[in-house]
Amino acid sequence: MFTPIPLGQAQVLEANNVEASGVFTFVTTGGGLTAVDVFNPLNPKVIGSVGLGGSSADLAVSGNPVYYADSRPVCLAFLTTAC
């Protein structure tokens, strides 16, 4: 029997779809895309979000970029991090 154990949480409102890549988890919301750093699963942190308009329908991650689909054609969101 599989019994998941919650470790930590990050609040992302209106979450629709979730995809993970490395230490990042990407979440589509009612009008955009949110990135969560899950390096420390006990303390995940929302590190950024971008409003993309529309209502998200699907999400795919292949390193960088993130592919985001809504009622319009597929959008690409290229991610950068400040050093």
Protein backbone atom coordinates (compact mmCIF):
# COMPACT_ATOMS: atom_id res chain seq x y z
CA MET A 1 0.00 0.00 0.00
CA PHE A 2 1.26 3.45 -0.94
CA THR A 3 1.01 6.06 1.82
CA PRO A 4 2.39 9.46 0.81
CA ILE A 5 4.01 11.53 3.55
CA PRO A 6 3.73 15.32 3.20
CA LEU A 7 7.10 17.01 3.70
CA GLY A 8 6.53 20.69 3.00
CA GLN A 9 4.26 23.00 1.07
CA ALA A 10 4.30 26.15 -1.02
CA GLN A 11 1.11 28.07 -1.64
CA VAL A 12 0.18 28.42 -5.31
CA LEU A 13 -3.37 29.67 -5.85
CA GLU A 14 -5.54 28.24 -8.63
CA ALA A 15 -3.06 25.44 -9.40
CA ASN A 16 -4.01 23.34 -12.44
CA ASN A 17 -1.07 21.30 -13.71
CA VAL A 18 2.28 20.39 -12.16
CA GLU A 19 5.54 19.26 -13.78
CA ALA A 20 8.93 18.75 -12.13
CA SER A 21 12.41 19.15 -13.56
CA GLY A 22 15.44 18.80 -11.29
CA VAL A 23 15.06 21.03 -8.24
CA PHE A 24 12.20 23.02 -9.78
CA THR A 25 8.49 22.36 -9.96
CA PHE A 26 6.33 24.32 -12.40
CA VAL A 27 2.66 24.96 -11.79
CA THR A 28 0.12 26.39 -14.20
CA THR A 29 -2.50 28.61 -12.64
CA GLY A 30 -5.66 30.38 -13.76
CA GLY A 31 -3.62 32.89 -15.72
CA GLY A 32 0.05 32.04 -15.65
CA LEU A 33 2.98 29.92 -14.65
CA THR A 34 4.65 29.67 -11.22
CA ALA A 35 8.08 28.20 -10.46
CA VAL A 36 8.78 26.55 -7.11
CA ASP A 37 12.27 25.66 -5.86
CA VAL A 38 12.01 22.22 -4.23
CA PHE A 39 15.72 21.72 -3.50
CA ASN A 40 14.77 21.46 0.17
CA PRO A 41 11.52 19.47 0.15
CA LEU A 42 10.88 20.45 3.77
CA ASN A 43 10.84 24.12 2.76
CA PRO A 44 9.82 24.64 -0.92
CA LYS A 45 9.85 28.27 -2.06
CA VAL A 46 7.93 30.06 -4.81
CA ILE A 47 10.70 31.75 -6.78
CA GLY A 48 8.70 33.48 -9.48
CA SER A 49 5.63 33.65 -11.61
CA VAL A 50 4.58 35.11 -14.91
CA GLY A 51 1.12 36.01 -16.14
CA LEU A 52 0.52 34.41 -19.52
CA GLY A 53 -3.17 35.14 -19.92
CA GLY A 54 -5.81 32.64 -20.87
CA SER A 55 -6.69 29.61 -18.83
CA SER A 56 -3.98 26.97 -18.75
CA ALA A 57 -4.71 23.65 -20.37
CA ASP A 58 -1.39 21.80 -20.29
CA LEU A 59 2.26 22.03 -19.29
CA ALA A 60 5.46 20.25 -20.31
CA VAL A 61 9.01 20.77 -19.08
CA SER A 62 12.13 19.76 -20.94
CA GLY A 63 14.88 21.49 -18.99
CA ASN A 64 14.54 25.00 -20.35
CA PRO A 65 12.11 25.99 -21.97
CA VAL A 66 8.80 25.25 -20.31
CA TYR A 67 5.96 24.63 -22.76
CA TYR A 68 2.62 26.11 -21.73
CA ALA A 69 -0.64 25.61 -23.61
CA ASP A 70 -3.91 27.43 -23.14
CA SER A 71 -6.70 28.44 -25.49
CA ARG A 72 -4.08 30.04 -27.77
CA PRO A 73 -1.16 28.36 -29.54
CA VAL A 74 1.60 26.84 -27.41
CA CYS A 75 3.74 29.39 -25.53
CA LEU A 76 7.35 28.96 -24.49
CA ALA A 77 8.58 30.35 -21.19
CA PHE A 78 12.37 30.53 -20.97
CA LEU A 79 13.56 30.55 -17.39
CA THR A 80 16.47 32.51 -16.05
CA THR A 81 17.85 32.81 -12.53
CA ALA A 82 19.76 35.70 -11.04
CA CYS A 83 23.18 34.91 -9.59
